Amino acid sequence: MSDTAVTIDPIADLTQRIGNRLREARHDQQLSLSELAERTGCYSKSRISNYEQGLRRMGLEESMVLAAALGTVSPTWLLCLDDNPALDQDEAALIARYRATDDDSRVRLRELAQTLPAVKSKRAKKP
């Protein structure tokens, strides 16, 4: 048995996990690096690729811009601060519709949601 232990750099590991989440979210929407870069309006495809490869770690501001450009994930999810799965397109559309309604409609929608049966299940992961 060897006395040398393999050490994993937690900072590098986190940077890689963040990059993997960004790539996963981009792939879920079938976006190219160029398309995502265009959606951000401020980041190049090279910069986004560097994030995805773990060569560079995005900060708070970058995660906010990228999450907004993707529209289905939160900045906290991208930064591995939140493990709630990304929203699928139907969920994102539902939230957008909710936010676009007036206060009375929001109350009615919350009341309706309370009447729905709660079912615990894991969401199926897209292949």
N, C-alpha and C. Protein backbone atom coordinates (compact mmCIF):
# COMPACT_ATOMS: atom_id res chain seq x y z
N MET A 1 0.84 -1.18 0.00
CA MET A 1 0.00 0.00 0.00
C MET A 1 0.88 1.23 0.00
N SER A 2 0.56 2.19 -0.85
CA SER A 2 1.37 3.38 -1.00
C SER A 2 1.00 4.41 0.06
N ASP A 3 2.01 5.17 0.47
CA ASP A 3 1.77 6.24 1.45
C ASP A 3 1.34 7.54 0.78
N THR A 4 1.42 7.56 -0.53
CA THR A 4 1.02 8.78 -1.22
C THR A 4 -0.48 8.75 -1.47
N ALA A 5 -1.11 9.83 -1.11
CA ALA A 5 -2.56 9.94 -1.29
C ALA A 5 -2.84 10.82 -2.50
N VAL A 6 -3.86 10.46 -3.20
CA VAL A 6 -4.29 11.28 -4.32
C VAL A 6 -5.16 12.41 -3.75
N THR A 7 -4.78 13.62 -4.04
CA THR A 7 -5.56 14.75 -3.55
C THR A 7 -6.30 15.39 -4.71
N ILE A 8 -7.51 15.79 -4.42
CA ILE A 8 -8.34 16.45 -5.42
C ILE A 8 -8.45 17.91 -5.02
N ASP A 9 -8.14 18.78 -5.93
CA ASP A 9 -8.25 20.21 -5.69
C ASP A 9 -9.72 20.60 -5.68
N PRO A 10 -10.29 20.96 -4.53
CA PRO A 10 -11.72 21.26 -4.46
C PRO A 10 -12.11 22.48 -5.30
N ILE A 11 -11.20 23.42 -5.47
CA ILE A 11 -11.48 24.60 -6.28
C ILE A 11 -11.59 24.21 -7.75
N ALA A 12 -10.64 23.43 -8.23
CA ALA A 12 -10.68 22.98 -9.63
C ALA A 12 -11.89 22.10 -9.87
N ASP A 13 -12.21 21.24 -8.90
CA ASP A 13 -13.37 20.37 -9.05
C ASP A 13 -14.66 21.19 -9.15
N LEU A 14 -14.78 22.21 -8.33
CA LEU A 14 -15.97 23.07 -8.37
C LEU A 14 -16.05 23.81 -9.70
N THR A 15 -14.93 24.31 -10.16
CA THR A 15 -14.90 25.01 -11.44
C THR A 15 -15.37 24.09 -12.56
N GLN A 16 -14.94 22.83 -12.53
CA GLN A 16 -15.35 21.85 -13.55
C GLN A 16 -16.83 21.55 -13.44
N ARG A 17 -17.34 21.39 -12.22
CA ARG A 17 -18.77 21.12 -12.03
C ARG A 17 -19.62 22.28 -12.53
N ILE A 18 -19.17 23.51 -12.29
CA ILE A 18 -19.90 24.68 -12.79
C ILE A 18 -19.91 24.66 -14.31
N GLY A 19 -18.78 24.38 -14.91
CA GLY A 19 -18.70 24.30 -16.36
C GLY A 19 -19.59 23.21 -16.93
N ASN A 20 -19.65 22.07 -16.24
CA ASN A 20 -20.51 20.98 -16.69
C ASN A 20 -21.98 21.38 -16.65
N ARG A 21 -22.37 22.13 -15.62
CA ARG A 21 -23.77 22.57 -15.53
C ARG A 21 -24.12 23.53 -16.66
N LEU A 22 -23.20 24.43 -16.96
CA LEU A 22 -23.45 25.37 -18.06
C LEU A 22 -23.60 24.60 -19.37
N ARG A 23 -22.71 23.66 -19.63
CA ARG A 23 -22.78 22.87 -20.86
C ARG A 23 -24.09 22.07 -20.92
N GLU A 24 -24.47 21.47 -19.79
CA GLU A 24 -25.71 20.69 -19.73
C GLU A 24 -26.92 21.57 -20.06
N ALA A 25 -26.97 22.74 -19.48
CA ALA A 25 -28.10 23.65 -19.72
C ALA A 25 -28.13 24.09 -21.19
N ARG A 26 -26.96 24.36 -21.74
CA ARG A 26 -26.89 24.78 -23.15
C ARG A 26 -27.32 23.63 -24.06
N HIS A 27 -26.84 22.43 -23.78
CA HIS A 27 -27.20 21.26 -24.60
C HIS A 27 -28.69 20.93 -24.48
N ASP A 28 -29.26 21.10 -23.28
CA ASP A 28 -30.69 20.84 -23.10
C ASP A 28 -31.54 21.70 -24.04
N GLN A 29 -31.04 22.87 -24.34
CA GLN A 29 -31.77 23.77 -25.24
C GLN A 29 -31.28 23.67 -26.68
N GLN A 30 -30.35 22.76 -26.91
CA GLN A 30 -29.79 22.54 -28.24
C GLN A 30 -29.23 23.83 -28.83
N LEU A 31 -28.50 24.56 -28.00
CA LEU A 31 -27.87 25.80 -28.43
C LEU A 31 -26.39 25.56 -28.71
N SER A 32 -25.89 26.20 -29.74
CA SER A 32 -24.45 26.19 -29.98
C SER A 32 -23.81 27.25 -29.09
N LEU A 33 -22.50 27.20 -28.98
CA LEU A 33 -21.80 28.24 -28.22
C LEU A 33 -22.07 29.61 -28.82
N SER A 34 -22.09 29.69 -30.14
CA SER A 34 -22.35 30.97 -30.82
C SER A 34 -23.74 31.50 -30.50
N GLU A 35 -24.71 30.60 -30.50
CA GLU A 35 -26.09 31.03 -30.21
C GLU A 35 -26.22 31.54 -28.78
N LEU A 36 -25.59 30.85 -27.83
CA LEU A 36 -25.66 31.32 -26.45
C LEU A 36 -24.92 32.64 -26.30
N ALA A 37 -23.78 32.76 -26.94
CA ALA A 37 -23.03 34.02 -26.89
C ALA A 37 -23.87 35.17 -27.43
N GLU A 38 -24.57 34.91 -28.53
CA GLU A 38 -25.44 35.93 -29.12
C GLU A 38 -26.56 36.31 -28.16
N ARG A 39 -27.13 35.33 -27.48
CA ARG A 39 -28.20 35.61 -26.52
C ARG A 39 -27.73 36.48 -25.36
N THR A 40 -26.47 36.30 -24.94
CA THR A 40 -25.97 37.10 -23.83
C THR A 40 -25.77 38.55 -24.24
N GLY A 41 -25.39 38.74 -25.49
CA GLY A 41 -25.14 40.09 -25.97
C GLY A 41 -23.82 40.68 -25.49
N CYS A 42 -23.07 39.94 -24.68
CA CYS A 42 -21.82 40.52 -24.17
C CYS A 42 -20.68 39.51 -24.02
N TYR A 43 -20.95 38.22 -24.10
CA TYR A 43 -19.89 37.23 -23.93
C TYR A 43 -19.62 36.52 -25.25
N SER A 44 -18.34 36.25 -25.47
CA SER A 44 -17.94 35.54 -26.70
C SER A 44 -18.12 34.04 -26.51
N LYS A 45 -18.19 33.34 -27.64
CA LYS A 45 -18.29 31.88 -27.55
C LYS A 45 -17.03 31.30 -26.92
N SER A 46 -15.88 31.93 -27.14
CA SER A 46 -14.63 31.47 -26.54
C SER A 46 -14.68 31.57 -25.02
N ARG A 47 -15.23 32.65 -24.52
CA ARG A 47 -15.33 32.82 -23.06
C ARG A 47 -16.26 31.77 -22.46
N ILE A 48 -17.40 31.55 -23.12
CA ILE A 48 -18.35 30.55 -22.63
C ILE A 48 -17.73 29.17 -22.69
N SER A 49 -17.00 28.87 -23.75
CA SER A 49 -16.30 27.59 -23.87
C SER A 49 -15.29 27.42 -22.74
N ASN A 50 -14.58 28.48 -22.40
CA ASN A 50 -13.63 28.41 -21.28
C ASN A 50 -14.34 28.08 -19.97
N TYR A 51 -15.53 28.64 -19.76
CA TYR A 51 -16.32 28.29 -18.57
C TYR A 51 -16.68 26.82 -18.59
N GLU A 52 -17.17 26.36 -19.73
CA GLU A 52 -17.62 24.97 -19.84
C GLU A 52 -16.48 23.98 -19.63
N GLN A 53 -15.30 24.32 -20.09
CA GLN A 53 -14.15 23.42 -19.97
C GLN A 53 -13.48 23.50 -18.60
N GLY A 54 -13.94 24.42 -17.76
CA GLY A 54 -13.33 24.57 -16.45
C GLY A 54 -12.01 25.31 -16.48
N LEU A 55 -11.74 26.01 -17.58
CA LEU A 55 -10.50 26.79 -17.69
C LEU A 55 -10.64 28.14 -17.00
N ARG A 56 -11.87 28.56 -16.87
CA ARG A 56 -12.17 29.85 -16.26
C ARG A 56 -13.47 29.67 -15.49
N ARG A 57 -13.57 30.30 -14.31
CA ARG A 57 -14.80 30.17 -13.53
C ARG A 57 -15.60 31.47 -13.62
N MET A 58 -16.89 31.30 -13.92
CA MET A 58 -17.77 32.46 -13.97
C MET A 58 -18.03 32.97 -12.56
N GLY A 59 -18.26 34.27 -12.46
CA GLY A 59 -18.62 34.89 -11.19
C GLY A 59 -20.11 35.10 -11.10
N LEU A 60 -20.53 35.83 -10.10
CA LEU A 60 -21.96 36.09 -9.90
C LEU A 60 -22.59 36.80 -11.08
N GLU A 61 -21.94 37.86 -11.54
CA GLU A 61 -22.52 38.63 -12.65
C GLU A 61 -22.65 37.78 -13.90
N GLU A 62 -21.61 37.01 -14.19
CA GLU A 62 -21.64 36.16 -15.38
C GLU A 62 -22.73 35.10 -15.27
N SER A 63 -22.89 34.54 -14.09
CA SER A 63 -23.93 33.52 -13.92
C SER A 63 -25.32 34.12 -14.11
N MET A 64 -25.49 35.37 -13.70
CA MET A 64 -26.79 36.02 -13.89
C MET A 64 -27.08 36.26 -15.37
N VAL A 65 -26.08 36.70 -16.10
CA VAL A 65 -26.25 36.94 -17.54
C VAL A 65 -26.52 35.63 -18.28
N LEU A 66 -25.74 34.60 -17.96
CA LEU A 66 -25.90 33.32 -18.65
C LEU A 66 -27.22 32.65 -18.29
N ALA A 67 -27.63 32.73 -17.02
CA ALA A 67 -28.92 32.15 -16.63
C ALA A 67 -30.06 32.86 -17.34
N ALA A 68 -29.98 34.18 -17.44
CA ALA A 68 -31.02 34.93 -18.16
C ALA A 68 -31.03 34.56 -19.64
N ALA A 69 -29.87 34.39 -20.22
CA ALA A 69 -29.79 34.02 -21.64
C ALA A 69 -30.35 32.62 -21.88
N LEU A 70 -30.12 31.73 -20.94
CA LEU A 70 -30.64 30.37 -21.07
C LEU A 70 -32.13 30.31 -20.76
N GLY A 71 -32.55 31.04 -19.73
CA GLY A 71 -33.97 31.13 -19.39
C GLY A 71 -34.56 29.95 -18.64
N THR A 72 -33.81 28.89 -18.44
CA THR A 72 -34.36 27.70 -17.79
C THR A 72 -33.60 27.31 -16.53
N VAL A 73 -32.57 28.05 -16.18
CA VAL A 73 -31.78 27.76 -15.00
C VAL A 73 -31.60 29.04 -14.18
N SER A 74 -31.26 28.85 -12.93
CA SER A 74 -30.99 30.00 -12.07
C SER A 74 -29.48 30.22 -11.96
N PRO A 75 -29.08 31.43 -11.63
CA PRO A 75 -27.65 31.67 -11.40
C PRO A 75 -27.09 30.79 -10.28
N THR A 76 -27.88 30.56 -9.24
CA THR A 76 -27.41 29.73 -8.13
C THR A 76 -27.22 28.28 -8.55
N TRP A 77 -28.06 27.79 -9.46
CA TRP A 77 -27.89 26.43 -9.96
C TRP A 77 -26.61 26.34 -10.79
N LEU A 78 -26.39 27.32 -11.65
CA LEU A 78 -25.18 27.31 -12.46
C LEU A 78 -23.93 27.28 -11.59
N LEU A 79 -23.95 28.01 -10.48
CA LEU A 79 -22.78 28.10 -9.61
C LEU A 79 -22.70 26.97 -8.58
N CYS A 80 -23.56 25.97 -8.72
CA CYS A 80 -23.58 24.80 -7.81
C CYS A 80 -23.89 25.21 -6.37
N LEU A 81 -24.65 26.27 -6.21
CA LEU A 81 -25.09 26.70 -4.88
C LEU A 81 -26.48 26.17 -4.59
N ASP A 82 -27.12 25.64 -5.61
CA ASP A 82 -28.48 25.14 -5.52
C ASP A 82 -28.55 23.88 -6.37
N ASP A 83 -29.06 22.81 -5.80
CA ASP A 83 -29.13 21.56 -6.55
C ASP A 83 -30.49 21.28 -7.15
N ASN A 84 -31.40 22.26 -7.07
CA ASN A 84 -32.69 22.06 -7.73
C ASN A 84 -32.44 21.97 -9.22
N PRO A 85 -33.08 21.03 -9.89
CA PRO A 85 -32.82 20.86 -11.31
C PRO A 85 -33.28 22.07 -12.12
N ALA A 86 -32.71 22.18 -13.27
CA ALA A 86 -33.09 23.24 -14.18
C ALA A 86 -34.55 23.09 -14.58
N LEU A 87 -35.18 24.19 -14.90
CA LEU A 87 -36.57 24.14 -15.36
C LEU A 87 -36.61 23.65 -16.79
N ASP A 88 -37.61 22.84 -17.11
CA ASP A 88 -37.79 22.50 -18.51
C ASP A 88 -38.59 23.64 -19.16
N GLN A 89 -38.78 23.58 -20.45
CA GLN A 89 -39.42 24.70 -21.16
C GLN A 89 -40.85 24.94 -20.71
N ASP A 90 -41.59 23.88 -20.40
CA ASP A 90 -42.97 24.04 -19.92
C ASP A 90 -43.01 24.74 -18.57
N GLU A 91 -42.09 24.36 -17.68
CA GLU A 91 -42.04 25.00 -16.36
C GLU A 91 -41.66 26.47 -16.47
N ALA A 92 -40.68 26.75 -17.31
CA ALA A 92 -40.26 28.14 -17.50
C ALA A 92 -41.41 28.97 -18.08
N ALA A 93 -42.16 28.39 -19.03
CA ALA A 93 -43.30 29.10 -19.62
C ALA A 93 -44.38 29.36 -18.58
N LEU A 94 -44.62 28.37 -17.72
CA LEU A 94 -45.62 28.52 -16.67
C LEU A 94 -45.25 29.65 -15.71
N ILE A 95 -44.00 29.70 -15.32
CA ILE A 95 -43.54 30.77 -14.42
C ILE A 95 -43.65 32.12 -15.11
N ALA A 96 -43.28 32.18 -16.38
CA ALA A 96 -43.37 33.45 -17.11
C ALA A 96 -44.82 33.92 -17.20
N ARG A 97 -45.74 32.99 -17.45
CA ARG A 97 -47.17 33.36 -17.50
C ARG A 97 -47.65 33.85 -16.15
N TYR A 98 -47.23 33.16 -15.08
CA TYR A 98 -47.61 33.56 -13.72
C TYR A 98 -47.12 34.99 -13.43
N ARG A 99 -45.89 35.26 -13.77
CA ARG A 99 -45.31 36.58 -13.51
C ARG A 99 -45.97 37.68 -14.34
N ALA A 100 -46.55 37.30 -15.46
CA ALA A 100 -47.18 38.29 -16.34
C ALA A 100 -48.62 38.61 -15.93
N THR A 101 -49.18 37.87 -14.98
CA THR A 101 -50.57 38.09 -14.58
C THR A 101 -50.67 39.16 -13.50
N ASP A 102 -51.90 39.60 -13.25
CA ASP A 102 -52.12 40.58 -12.18
C ASP A 102 -52.18 39.89 -10.82
N ASP A 103 -52.23 40.66 -9.76
CA ASP A 103 -52.20 40.10 -8.40
C ASP A 103 -53.37 39.16 -8.11
N ASP A 104 -54.58 39.53 -8.57
CA ASP A 104 -55.73 38.66 -8.32
C ASP A 104 -55.57 37.31 -9.01
N SER A 105 -55.07 37.32 -10.22
CA SER A 105 -54.87 36.06 -10.94
C SER A 105 -53.80 35.21 -10.26
N ARG A 106 -52.78 35.85 -9.73
CA ARG A 106 -51.73 35.10 -9.02
C ARG A 106 -52.31 34.40 -7.79
N VAL A 107 -53.17 35.10 -7.07
CA VAL A 107 -53.82 34.50 -5.90
C VAL A 107 -54.63 33.29 -6.33
N ARG A 108 -55.40 33.42 -7.39
CA ARG A 108 -56.23 32.31 -7.88
C ARG A 108 -55.36 31.13 -8.32
N LEU A 109 -54.26 31.42 -8.99
CA LEU A 109 -53.36 30.35 -9.44
C LEU A 109 -52.73 29.62 -8.25
N ARG A 110 -52.33 30.37 -7.21
CA ARG A 110 -51.77 29.71 -6.03
C ARG A 110 -52.83 28.85 -5.33
N GLU A 111 -54.05 29.35 -5.27
CA GLU A 111 -55.13 28.56 -4.66
C GLU A 111 -55.38 27.29 -5.46
N LEU A 112 -55.39 27.40 -6.77
CA LEU A 112 -55.56 26.23 -7.63
C LEU A 112 -54.43 25.23 -7.41
N ALA A 113 -53.20 25.73 -7.32
CA ALA A 113 -52.05 24.84 -7.12
C ALA A 113 -52.17 24.08 -5.80
N GLN A 114 -52.75 24.71 -4.79
CA GLN A 114 -52.91 24.05 -3.49
C GLN A 114 -53.90 22.88 -3.56
N THR A 115 -54.79 22.89 -4.54
CA THR A 115 -55.78 21.82 -4.66
C THR A 115 -55.24 20.60 -5.41
N LEU A 116 -54.11 20.76 -6.08
CA LEU A 116 -53.53 19.66 -6.85
C LEU A 116 -52.88 18.65 -5.92
N PRO A 117 -52.99 17.36 -6.25
CA PRO A 117 -52.34 16.36 -5.39
C PRO A 117 -50.82 16.46 -5.51
N ALA A 118 -50.15 16.30 -4.39
CA ALA A 118 -48.69 16.29 -4.38
C ALA A 118 -48.21 14.89 -4.70
N VAL A 119 -47.38 14.77 -5.69
CA VAL A 119 -46.83 13.48 -6.09
C VAL A 119 -45.32 13.61 -6.07
N LYS A 120 -44.69 12.74 -5.32
CA LYS A 120 -43.23 12.74 -5.29
C LYS A 120 -42.72 11.83 -6.38
N SER A 121 -41.98 12.42 -7.28
CA SER A 121 -41.34 11.62 -8.32
C SER A 121 -40.13 12.39 -8.83
N LYS A 122 -39.17 11.65 -9.30
CA LYS A 122 -38.01 12.28 -9.91
C LYS A 122 -38.36 12.60 -11.35
N ARG A 123 -38.00 13.82 -11.73
CA ARG A 123 -38.22 14.18 -13.12
C ARG A 123 -37.29 13.37 -14.00
N ALA A 124 -37.82 12.94 -15.10
CA ALA A 124 -37.00 12.16 -16.03
C ALA A 124 -35.95 13.07 -16.64
N LYS A 125 -34.73 12.58 -16.69
CA LYS A 125 -33.63 13.31 -17.28
C LYS A 125 -33.69 13.14 -18.78
N LYS A 126 -33.51 14.24 -19.49
CA LYS A 126 -33.52 14.16 -20.95
C LYS A 126 -32.29 13.43 -21.42
N PRO A 127 -32.44 12.57 -22.43
CA PRO A 127 -31.26 11.84 -22.93
C PRO A 127 -30.29 12.76 -23.64
